Amino acid sequence: MATSHAPTTPTVTFWGAAGTVTGSMHLLAARGKNVLLECGLYQGRRADSHARNREFPFRPKKVDAVVLSHAHIDHCGNLPNLVRQGFSGPIYCTPATRALAAVMLGDAAKIQQEDADYLNRKLDRGEPKVEPLYDARDVYRTLLKLKAVPYGKPFEVLPGIEAEFSDAGHLLGSAAVHLRVGGRRITFTGDRGRPGLPILRDPEPLPPADLIISESTYGGHTHEPVDETAARLGVVVRRTAARGGKVVIPAFSVGRTQTVVYFLHQLMNSGALPPIPIYVDSPMAVRATEVFKAHPECFDEETARLLDEHPEVFGEGRVRYVEKVHESVALNRRTDPSVIISASGMCEAGRILHHLKHNLGDGRNTILIAGYQADGTLGRRLVERRPEVKVLGRTVQVRAEVVVLNGLSSHADHPGMVASLLPLAGPGVRVRLVHGEPEKAAELADALRAVGFADVAAPERGESVAV
């Protein structure tokens, strides 16, 4: 951990999302200060996640500031734990990220407490109790530290360290972070969005940099066109409804849920999908959708026009938002065809676990995986078509159809990342690939070397690079 005796050369150490997709956390040591880029929750096998998330590899009290790219839980979800353990500095983000983080972190604390209570009821006598990482009070203290800065406005993170946000097009309020330390420039892509996706504006071009910290989630993979994905979504829903089943979609409450609702609305509008009950079973999704409606400055022109003509797109015209627990439980007693969208997106916590427990064993149903599933998660085991999985401590036979639609992802694919980074290629530019599994990062690294980046690497956890 760098201290006031840190070297004068800026150095970045990769403490999260190094060799894996989740738990983004990168520490910049510069001018005797420490700036943390992201503080996300690591999501994977429960025992591994618990240990890694609870203990930081540095002293939180020695971190002077945090810069946050966006509000997904694998990027912001461990901030309250950082505060709980002594961090007292500012946390910089965009206005929409500040609003969404309030929703995300409050929900994360609630889910952790509910999951801990559920698991503690199942413990054998003498087993140690499960404790949540943080509580609502820690979340409140964290939210007080969030400082909102709009896109395109340079700001001082700490004396001698300047930053600016540009639109990353990945999530409402998502940003690429551009840092200046003296004459050195660092760009952190955050999660890079996809051009042409509905709702959000396309990602802005990245400026030149000496060090580029880039995501690599979909290295080696090319997404299908957005229109084809929407059509496939309609086919899956029609096929499942025809056999009397439910479509259960694990989806992040912020971003993915709104995109799926948007597509379903469009399919019904066009007549490609008959009216079918759609339930968004996530209290957080209700609050997140309100945040979406409050930040139209992030919308692309097509979505802005659509909302003028159909203000119910994110409302309750065709969608029933489920908040109360007894209403969620009642969904699993229904026998009519329906679509149930519920969090979490990687099937690691929350109400989606109860829907999977009740619906995986019925061959009429479909589990539609609409985003990346990290190694070690229940979502990954479903993608791998395991014949049985463990859900909430119970082994469940997987008889439901499992469909993967990666075209719904809001991450840039391999060609998209190469196209974004290509204009920055030049002598002396260093690229470090994070937020990707090793084989994905390796494929993207090879492609970047082929287009002119000489110094490309995927750092291991704890590895550092000088700027």
Protein backbone atom coordinates (compact mmCIF):
# COMPACT_ATOMS: atom_id res chain seq x y z
CA MET A 1 0.00 0.00 0.00
CA ALA A 2 1.44 3.35 -1.03
CA THR A 3 1.82 6.02 1.67
CA SER A 4 3.15 9.54 1.86
CA HIS A 5 6.55 8.02 0.95
CA ALA A 6 5.15 6.75 -2.39
CA PRO A 7 7.40 7.18 -5.44
CA THR A 8 6.99 10.33 -7.51
CA THR A 9 6.11 8.25 -10.60
CA PRO A 10 2.36 7.53 -10.60
CA THR A 11 1.67 3.82 -10.09
CA VAL A 12 -1.53 1.81 -10.47
CA THR A 13 -1.99 -1.45 -8.56
CA PHE A 14 -4.77 -3.81 -9.64
CA TRP A 15 -6.59 -5.22 -6.64
CA GLY A 16 -9.86 -6.30 -8.24
CA ALA A 17 -11.22 -7.47 -11.60
CA ALA A 18 -7.68 -8.68 -12.40
CA GLY A 19 -7.97 -12.05 -14.10
CA THR A 20 -11.69 -12.03 -13.39
CA VAL A 21 -14.78 -10.03 -14.34
CA THR A 22 -16.10 -8.75 -11.02
CA GLY A 23 -14.86 -6.81 -8.01
CA SER A 24 -13.36 -3.87 -9.91
CA MET A 25 -10.77 -2.04 -7.76
CA HIS A 26 -7.60 -0.25 -8.91
CA LEU A 27 -5.38 1.88 -6.67
CA LEU A 28 -3.53 4.91 -8.06
CA ALA A 29 -0.58 6.09 -5.94
CA ALA A 30 0.55 9.57 -7.00
CA ARG A 31 1.98 12.68 -5.32
CA GLY A 32 1.97 10.92 -1.97
CA LYS A 33 -1.78 10.27 -2.19
CA ASN A 34 -3.95 7.25 -2.97
CA VAL A 35 -6.96 7.31 -5.28
CA LEU A 36 -9.13 4.23 -5.65
CA LEU A 37 -10.79 3.65 -9.01
CA GLU A 38 -13.94 1.65 -8.19
CA CYS A 39 -14.71 -0.38 -5.11
CA GLY A 40 -16.86 -3.25 -6.35
CA LEU A 41 -18.13 -6.49 -4.91
CA TYR A 42 -16.40 -9.65 -6.06
CA GLN A 43 -19.01 -12.17 -7.18
CA GLY A 44 -18.19 -15.85 -7.35
CA ARG A 45 -18.25 -18.89 -5.06
CA ARG A 46 -19.84 -17.83 -1.79
CA ALA A 47 -16.86 -18.69 0.45
CA ASP A 48 -14.34 -16.96 -1.85
CA SER A 49 -16.57 -13.90 -2.27
CA HIS A 50 -17.18 -13.55 1.44
CA ALA A 51 -13.48 -13.55 2.30
CA ARG A 52 -12.33 -11.30 -0.54
CA ASN A 53 -15.05 -8.71 -0.05
CA ARG A 54 -14.70 -8.47 3.72
CA GLU A 55 -10.94 -7.83 3.86
CA PHE A 56 -9.21 -5.18 1.75
CA PRO A 57 -5.60 -5.71 0.57
CA PHE A 58 -4.76 -2.17 1.73
CA ARG A 59 -5.73 0.06 4.64
CA PRO A 60 -9.00 1.88 3.85
CA LYS A 61 -7.92 4.75 6.12
CA LYS A 62 -4.98 5.39 3.79
CA VAL A 63 -7.19 5.89 0.72
CA ASP A 64 -7.66 9.63 0.13
CA ALA A 65 -10.38 9.63 -2.55
CA VAL A 66 -12.45 7.31 -4.76
CA VAL A 67 -13.44 7.88 -8.39
CA LEU A 68 -16.40 5.76 -9.49
CA SER A 69 -17.23 5.02 -13.14
CA HIS A 70 -20.78 3.71 -12.67
CA ALA A 71 -23.28 2.21 -10.27
CA HIS A 72 -23.25 -1.51 -11.05
CA ILE A 73 -22.67 -3.47 -7.88
CA ASP A 74 -19.41 -5.06 -9.07
CA HIS A 75 -18.02 -1.52 -9.36
CA CYS A 76 -19.55 0.30 -6.37
CA GLY A 77 -20.93 -2.44 -4.13
CA ASN A 78 -18.14 -2.55 -1.52
CA LEU A 79 -17.98 1.20 -0.89
CA PRO A 80 -19.98 1.00 2.37
CA ASN A 81 -17.54 -1.60 3.66
CA LEU A 82 -14.66 0.72 2.74
CA VAL A 83 -16.33 3.50 4.72
CA ARG A 84 -17.10 1.13 7.59
CA GLN A 85 -13.39 0.30 7.82
CA GLY A 86 -12.23 3.91 7.99
CA PHE A 87 -12.27 5.58 4.57
CA SER A 88 -13.24 9.23 5.08
CA GLY A 89 -12.55 10.97 1.75
CA PRO A 90 -14.76 12.06 -1.18
CA ILE A 91 -16.25 9.73 -3.81
CA TYR A 92 -16.57 11.33 -7.26
CA CYS A 93 -19.11 10.19 -9.87
CA THR A 94 -21.66 11.57 -12.34
CA PRO A 95 -25.07 12.86 -11.15
CA ALA A 96 -26.99 9.84 -12.50
CA THR A 97 -24.46 7.48 -10.91
CA ARG A 98 -24.96 9.18 -7.55
CA ALA A 99 -28.73 8.68 -7.85
CA LEU A 100 -28.42 5.05 -8.93
CA ALA A 101 -25.78 4.24 -6.31
CA ALA A 102 -28.24 5.27 -3.61
CA VAL A 103 -30.66 2.67 -4.96
CA MET A 104 -28.05 -0.02 -5.54
CA LEU A 105 -26.26 0.22 -2.22
CA GLY A 106 -29.44 0.45 -0.17
CA ASP A 107 -30.74 -2.67 -1.87
CA ALA A 108 -27.39 -4.47 -1.46
CA ALA A 109 -27.46 -3.90 2.30
CA LYS A 110 -31.05 -5.15 2.49
CA ILE A 111 -30.33 -8.27 0.41
CA GLN A 112 -27.23 -9.09 2.46
CA GLN A 113 -29.25 -8.89 5.66
CA GLU A 114 -32.11 -10.97 4.23
CA ASP A 115 -29.74 -13.62 2.87
CA ALA A 116 -27.85 -13.75 6.16
CA ASP A 117 -31.11 -14.17 8.08
CA TYR A 118 -32.26 -16.94 5.72
CA LEU A 119 -28.94 -18.82 5.92
CA ASN A 120 -28.73 -18.41 9.70
CA ARG A 121 -32.13 -20.10 10.05
CA LYS A 122 -30.67 -23.11 8.23
CA LEU A 123 -27.50 -23.37 10.32
CA ASP A 124 -26.82 -26.36 12.48
CA ARG A 125 -26.35 -25.69 16.16
CA GLY A 126 -22.84 -24.43 16.87
CA GLU A 127 -22.13 -23.16 13.36
CA PRO A 128 -20.97 -19.51 13.21
CA LYS A 129 -23.60 -17.01 12.13
CA VAL A 130 -23.42 -15.32 8.73
CA GLU A 131 -22.91 -11.55 9.05
CA PRO A 132 -23.66 -9.01 6.29
CA LEU A 133 -20.75 -6.96 4.96
CA TYR A 134 -22.44 -3.70 5.90
CA ASP A 135 -25.76 -2.23 6.96
CA ALA A 136 -28.05 0.68 6.11
CA ARG A 137 -26.12 3.04 8.38
CA ASP A 138 -22.91 2.35 6.47
CA VAL A 139 -24.76 3.01 3.21
CA TYR A 140 -26.06 6.34 4.53
CA ARG A 141 -22.54 7.43 5.53
CA THR A 142 -21.28 6.42 2.09
CA LEU A 143 -23.94 8.35 0.20
CA LEU A 144 -22.98 11.52 2.07
CA LYS A 145 -19.52 11.24 0.49
CA LEU A 146 -20.72 11.07 -3.14
CA LYS A 147 -19.77 14.19 -5.10
CA ALA A 148 -21.52 14.55 -8.47
CA VAL A 149 -19.62 15.98 -11.44
CA PRO A 150 -21.19 16.15 -14.94
CA TYR A 151 -19.61 14.77 -18.11
CA GLY A 152 -16.95 16.97 -19.69
CA LYS A 153 -16.17 19.08 -16.62
CA PRO A 154 -12.57 18.75 -15.33
CA PHE A 155 -12.30 18.55 -11.54
CA GLU A 156 -9.60 18.24 -8.91
CA VAL A 157 -9.65 14.85 -7.21
CA LEU A 158 -6.78 15.80 -4.92
CA PRO A 159 -4.08 18.48 -5.23
CA GLY A 160 -2.12 17.69 -8.40
CA ILE A 161 -4.56 15.01 -9.58
CA GLU A 162 -7.24 16.09 -12.06
CA ALA A 163 -10.04 14.03 -13.62
CA GLU A 164 -12.81 14.28 -16.17
CA PHE A 165 -15.74 12.01 -17.06
CA SER A 166 -16.90 11.11 -20.58
CA ASP A 167 -20.05 9.13 -21.44
CA ALA A 168 -19.32 5.39 -21.59
CA GLY A 169 -22.79 4.46 -22.92
CA HIS A 170 -22.99 1.35 -20.71
CA LEU A 171 -25.43 2.33 -17.96
CA LEU A 172 -27.30 5.46 -16.99
CA GLY A 173 -24.54 7.83 -15.82
CA SER A 174 -21.69 5.47 -16.71
CA ALA A 175 -18.38 7.13 -17.47
CA ALA A 176 -14.89 6.59 -18.71
CA VAL A 177 -12.47 8.27 -16.31
CA HIS A 178 -9.62 10.43 -17.61
CA LEU A 179 -6.95 11.33 -15.05
CA ARG A 180 -4.02 13.75 -15.26
CA VAL A 181 -1.10 13.63 -12.85
CA GLY A 182 1.45 16.24 -13.85
CA GLY A 183 2.07 15.55 -17.53
CA ARG A 184 0.94 11.92 -17.36
CA ARG A 185 -2.50 10.81 -18.59
CA ILE A 186 -4.47 7.76 -17.47
CA THR A 187 -7.73 6.59 -19.05
CA PHE A 188 -9.91 4.01 -17.32
CA THR A 189 -12.63 2.83 -19.70
CA GLY A 190 -14.89 1.56 -16.93
CA ASP A 191 -17.42 -0.70 -18.64
CA ARG A 192 -17.59 0.34 -22.29
CA GLY A 193 -21.04 0.42 -23.87
CA ARG A 194 -22.27 -0.76 -27.25
CA PRO A 195 -23.17 1.65 -30.04
CA GLY A 196 -26.75 1.21 -31.26
CA LEU A 197 -28.29 -0.12 -28.06
CA PRO A 198 -31.62 1.42 -27.08
CA ILE A 199 -32.11 4.01 -24.34
CA LEU A 200 -28.59 5.39 -23.81
CA ARG A 201 -26.38 7.56 -25.98
CA ASP A 202 -23.47 5.86 -27.73
CA PRO A 203 -20.07 5.92 -25.99
CA GLU A 204 -17.97 9.03 -26.53
CA PRO A 205 -14.51 8.71 -28.13
CA LEU A 206 -11.60 8.21 -25.73
CA PRO A 207 -8.83 10.84 -25.58
CA PRO A 208 -5.09 10.01 -25.88
CA ALA A 209 -3.45 8.53 -22.78
CA ASP A 210 -0.12 7.18 -21.55
CA LEU A 211 -1.83 4.33 -19.65
CA ILE A 212 -5.15 2.80 -20.69
CA ILE A 213 -6.93 0.56 -18.18
CA SER A 214 -9.53 -1.23 -20.28
CA GLU A 215 -12.23 -3.77 -19.67
CA SER A 216 -11.99 -7.03 -21.64
CA THR A 217 -15.22 -8.81 -20.71
CA TYR A 218 -16.08 -9.94 -24.24
CA GLY A 219 -12.61 -10.36 -25.70
CA GLY A 220 -12.83 -12.74 -28.66
CA HIS A 221 -16.63 -12.51 -28.84
CA THR A 222 -18.82 -10.67 -31.35
CA HIS A 223 -22.36 -9.77 -30.33
CA GLU A 224 -25.17 -10.41 -32.76
CA PRO A 225 -26.95 -7.29 -34.08
CA VAL A 226 -29.37 -5.68 -31.66
CA ASP A 227 -32.38 -6.21 -33.98
CA GLU A 228 -31.65 -9.94 -34.19
CA THR A 229 -31.43 -10.17 -30.40
CA ALA A 230 -34.80 -8.45 -30.00
CA ALA A 231 -36.33 -10.86 -32.52
CA ARG A 232 -34.85 -13.87 -30.70
CA LEU A 233 -36.24 -12.59 -27.42
CA GLY A 234 -39.69 -12.56 -29.01
CA VAL A 235 -39.24 -16.11 -30.32
CA VAL A 236 -38.22 -17.40 -26.90
CA VAL A 237 -41.20 -15.78 -25.16
CA ARG A 238 -43.69 -17.04 -27.79
CA ARG A 239 -42.27 -20.57 -27.70
CA THR A 240 -42.40 -20.75 -23.91
CA ALA A 241 -45.90 -19.29 -23.70
CA ALA A 242 -47.11 -21.81 -26.30
CA ARG A 243 -46.16 -24.69 -24.04
CA GLY A 244 -47.73 -22.99 -21.01
CA GLY A 245 -44.49 -21.99 -19.32
CA LYS A 246 -42.86 -18.98 -17.72
CA VAL A 247 -39.81 -17.08 -18.94
CA VAL A 248 -37.61 -16.30 -15.94
CA ILE A 249 -34.93 -13.67 -16.65
CA PRO A 250 -32.16 -13.02 -14.10
CA ALA A 251 -31.25 -9.39 -14.77
CA PHE A 252 -29.49 -6.55 -13.05
CA SER A 253 -32.19 -4.23 -11.74
CA VAL A 254 -30.34 -1.25 -13.16
CA GLY A 255 -29.77 -1.20 -16.90
CA ARG A 256 -30.54 -4.71 -18.09
CA THR A 257 -34.06 -4.76 -16.67
CA GLN A 258 -34.99 -1.49 -18.38
CA THR A 259 -33.52 -2.72 -21.68
CA VAL A 260 -35.50 -5.99 -21.57
CA VAL A 261 -38.71 -4.10 -20.72
CA TYR A 262 -38.01 -1.72 -23.61
CA PHE A 263 -37.60 -4.61 -26.08
CA LEU A 264 -40.73 -6.41 -24.86
CA HIS A 265 -42.71 -3.19 -25.16
CA GLN A 266 -41.51 -2.72 -28.74
CA LEU A 267 -42.30 -6.34 -29.66
CA MET A 268 -45.85 -6.00 -28.36
CA ASN A 269 -46.29 -2.64 -30.07
CA SER A 270 -45.28 -4.16 -33.40
CA GLY A 271 -47.53 -7.20 -32.99
CA ALA A 272 -44.54 -9.57 -32.91
CA LEU A 273 -45.51 -10.61 -29.39
CA PRO A 274 -49.04 -11.08 -28.06
CA PRO A 275 -49.91 -9.40 -24.75
CA ILE A 276 -48.45 -11.48 -21.93
CA PRO A 277 -48.07 -10.56 -18.25
CA ILE A 278 -44.64 -9.09 -17.48
CA TYR A 279 -43.52 -8.90 -13.86
CA VAL A 280 -40.45 -7.03 -12.69
CA ASP A 281 -39.89 -8.58 -9.28
CA SER A 282 -37.41 -6.23 -7.69
CA PRO A 283 -38.11 -3.33 -5.35
CA MET A 284 -34.81 -1.85 -6.51
CA ALA A 285 -35.90 -1.97 -10.16
CA VAL A 286 -38.89 0.20 -9.29
CA ARG A 287 -36.68 2.84 -7.72
CA ALA A 288 -34.06 2.50 -10.47
CA THR A 289 -36.69 3.00 -13.15
CA GLU A 290 -37.72 6.24 -11.43
CA VAL A 291 -34.07 7.35 -11.58
CA PHE A 292 -34.01 6.54 -15.31
CA LYS A 293 -37.07 8.71 -15.89
CA ALA A 294 -35.44 11.54 -13.92
CA HIS A 295 -32.32 11.62 -16.11
CA PRO A 296 -33.44 12.06 -19.74
CA GLU A 297 -30.14 13.84 -20.45
CA CYS A 298 -28.59 10.37 -20.74
CA PHE A 299 -31.09 9.09 -23.35
CA ASP A 300 -30.43 8.80 -27.07
CA GLU A 301 -32.70 10.64 -29.52
CA GLU A 302 -34.80 7.58 -30.42
CA THR A 303 -35.63 6.84 -26.78
CA ALA A 304 -36.42 10.50 -26.07
CA ARG A 305 -38.89 10.48 -28.99
CA LEU A 306 -40.41 7.17 -27.91
CA LEU A 307 -40.97 8.44 -24.38
CA ASP A 308 -42.76 11.48 -25.78
CA GLU A 309 -45.12 9.19 -27.72
CA HIS A 310 -45.31 6.32 -25.19
CA PRO A 311 -44.52 7.56 -21.68
CA GLU A 312 -45.59 4.16 -20.33
CA VAL A 313 -42.47 2.42 -21.70
CA PHE A 314 -40.92 2.39 -18.21
CA GLY A 315 -44.28 2.60 -16.45
CA GLU A 316 -46.94 0.12 -15.42
CA GLY A 317 -48.91 -0.02 -18.65
CA ARG A 318 -47.83 -3.54 -19.61
CA VAL A 319 -45.47 -4.20 -16.75
CA ARG A 320 -46.32 -5.04 -13.15
CA TYR A 321 -43.62 -3.97 -10.70
CA VAL A 322 -43.58 -6.25 -7.67
CA GLU A 323 -42.30 -4.80 -4.41
CA LYS A 324 -43.89 -6.70 -1.55
CA VAL A 325 -42.60 -10.12 -0.51
CA HIS A 326 -46.03 -11.79 -0.49
CA GLU A 327 -46.61 -10.60 -4.09
CA SER A 328 -43.27 -12.13 -5.10
CA VAL A 329 -44.18 -15.43 -3.44
CA ALA A 330 -47.55 -15.41 -5.21
CA LEU A 331 -45.83 -15.31 -8.63
CA ASN A 332 -44.59 -18.84 -8.04
CA ARG A 333 -48.15 -20.04 -7.47
CA ARG A 334 -49.34 -18.71 -10.83
CA THR A 335 -49.70 -21.28 -13.60
CA ASP A 336 -50.36 -19.00 -16.58
CA PRO A 337 -47.60 -18.03 -19.06
CA SER A 338 -45.70 -14.92 -18.02
CA VAL A 339 -42.32 -13.19 -18.03
CA ILE A 340 -40.60 -12.70 -14.67
CA ILE A 341 -37.59 -10.39 -14.55
CA SER A 342 -35.76 -10.46 -11.23
CA ALA A 343 -32.37 -9.68 -9.68
CA SER A 344 -29.58 -10.51 -9.23
CA GLY A 345 -28.20 -10.76 -12.73
CA MET A 346 -25.69 -13.50 -11.88
CA CYS A 347 -28.17 -15.44 -9.71
CA GLU A 348 -26.10 -15.00 -6.58
CA ALA A 349 -28.59 -13.27 -4.30
CA GLY A 350 -32.06 -11.81 -4.08
CA ARG A 351 -35.51 -12.90 -5.24
CA ILE A 352 -34.29 -14.57 -8.44
CA LEU A 353 -33.07 -17.48 -6.30
CA HIS A 354 -36.60 -18.24 -5.15
CA HIS A 355 -37.94 -18.07 -8.71
CA LEU A 356 -35.21 -20.45 -9.88
CA LYS A 357 -35.91 -22.84 -7.03
CA HIS A 358 -39.58 -23.01 -8.06
CA ASN A 359 -39.21 -22.98 -11.85
CA LEU A 360 -36.00 -24.80 -12.83
CA GLY A 361 -37.62 -28.21 -12.42
CA ASP A 362 -40.45 -27.61 -14.92
CA GLY A 363 -39.65 -28.40 -18.56
CA ARG A 364 -42.30 -25.95 -19.79
CA ASN A 365 -40.32 -23.00 -18.43
CA THR A 366 -37.36 -21.10 -19.86
CA ILE A 367 -34.50 -19.50 -17.97
CA LEU A 368 -33.26 -16.70 -20.20
CA ILE A 369 -29.71 -15.58 -19.39
CA ALA A 370 -29.37 -12.00 -20.61
CA GLY A 371 -25.85 -11.03 -19.55
CA TYR A 372 -22.38 -12.14 -18.61
CA GLN A 373 -22.16 -14.80 -15.88
CA ALA A 374 -18.90 -14.78 -13.94
CA ASP A 375 -17.03 -17.98 -13.17
CA GLY A 376 -18.25 -19.63 -9.97
CA THR A 377 -21.74 -18.09 -10.03
CA LEU A 378 -25.02 -19.97 -10.21
CA GLY A 379 -25.69 -18.13 -13.47
CA ARG A 380 -22.51 -19.62 -14.98
CA ARG A 381 -23.56 -23.12 -13.91
CA LEU A 382 -26.88 -22.63 -15.70
CA VAL A 383 -25.08 -21.39 -18.83
CA GLU A 384 -22.95 -24.53 -18.65
CA ARG A 385 -26.18 -26.58 -18.71
CA ARG A 386 -25.46 -28.42 -15.48
CA PRO A 387 -28.12 -31.15 -14.99
CA GLU A 388 -28.62 -30.04 -11.40
CA VAL A 389 -27.65 -27.00 -9.37
CA LYS A 390 -27.81 -25.96 -5.75
CA VAL A 391 -30.22 -23.10 -5.01
CA LEU A 392 -30.61 -21.73 -1.48
CA GLY A 393 -28.99 -24.85 -0.08
CA ARG A 394 -31.24 -27.26 -2.01
CA THR A 395 -30.25 -29.37 -5.03
CA VAL A 396 -32.63 -28.70 -7.94
CA GLN A 397 -32.94 -30.63 -11.21
CA VAL A 398 -32.60 -28.38 -14.28
CA ARG A 399 -35.46 -29.41 -16.57
CA ALA A 400 -36.32 -25.91 -17.81
CA GLU A 401 -34.93 -24.76 -21.14
CA VAL A 402 -31.88 -22.50 -20.71
CA VAL A 403 -31.39 -19.82 -23.38
CA VAL A 404 -28.43 -17.41 -23.51
CA LEU A 405 -28.91 -14.04 -25.24
CA ASN A 406 -25.56 -12.25 -24.98
CA GLY A 407 -26.83 -9.78 -27.57
CA LEU A 408 -28.66 -8.05 -24.73
CA SER A 409 -25.34 -7.21 -23.09
CA SER A 410 -24.53 -3.54 -22.61
CA HIS A 411 -20.79 -4.28 -22.84
CA ALA A 412 -18.86 -3.58 -26.02
CA ASP A 413 -17.80 -6.77 -27.81
CA HIS A 414 -14.33 -7.60 -29.16
CA PRO A 415 -14.57 -5.56 -32.39
CA GLY A 416 -16.14 -2.70 -30.43
CA MET A 417 -13.29 -2.54 -27.93
CA VAL A 418 -10.64 -2.69 -30.67
CA ALA A 419 -12.40 0.09 -32.59
CA SER A 420 -12.62 2.24 -29.43
CA LEU A 421 -8.96 1.85 -28.53
CA LEU A 422 -7.42 1.86 -32.03
CA PRO A 423 -7.18 5.70 -32.35
CA LEU A 424 -5.09 5.76 -29.15
CA ALA A 425 -2.35 3.41 -30.43
CA GLY A 426 1.13 4.88 -30.45
CA PRO A 427 4.67 4.53 -29.13
CA GLY A 428 4.91 4.48 -25.36
CA VAL A 429 1.20 3.80 -24.75
CA ARG A 430 0.61 1.10 -22.17
CA VAL A 431 -2.60 -0.95 -22.02
CA ARG A 432 -3.66 -3.04 -19.05
CA LEU A 433 -6.69 -5.27 -19.50
CA VAL A 434 -8.97 -5.89 -16.53
CA HIS A 435 -12.55 -6.99 -15.95
CA GLY A 436 -12.19 -10.12 -18.06
CA GLU A 437 -11.37 -13.79 -17.61
CA PRO A 438 -7.81 -14.69 -18.68
CA GLU A 439 -8.66 -16.23 -22.05
CA LYS A 440 -10.89 -13.27 -22.97
CA ALA A 441 -8.23 -10.75 -22.01
CA ALA A 442 -5.61 -12.72 -23.94
CA GLU A 443 -7.66 -12.59 -27.14
CA LEU A 444 -8.20 -8.86 -26.84
CA ALA A 445 -4.51 -8.34 -26.03
CA ASP A 446 -3.45 -10.16 -29.20
CA ALA A 447 -5.80 -8.02 -31.28
CA LEU A 448 -4.50 -4.79 -29.74
CA ARG A 449 -0.90 -5.77 -30.39
CA ALA A 450 -1.83 -6.48 -34.00
CA VAL A 451 -3.13 -2.91 -34.47
CA GLY A 452 -0.11 -1.15 -33.00
CA PHE A 453 -0.11 -1.34 -29.19
CA ALA A 454 3.31 -2.63 -28.18
CA ASP A 455 2.82 -2.83 -24.41
CA VAL A 456 -0.35 -4.78 -23.60
CA ALA A 457 -0.82 -7.03 -20.57
CA ALA A 458 -3.50 -8.49 -18.32
CA PRO A 459 -2.24 -7.94 -14.77
CA GLU A 460 -2.64 -10.41 -11.97
CA ARG A 461 -4.18 -9.36 -8.67
CA GLY A 462 -1.68 -7.20 -6.78
CA GLU A 463 0.42 -6.39 -9.84
CA SER A 464 1.42 -2.76 -10.45
CA VAL A 465 2.31 -0.62 -13.46
CA ALA A 466 4.10 2.71 -13.51
CA VAL A 467 2.62 5.44 -15.68
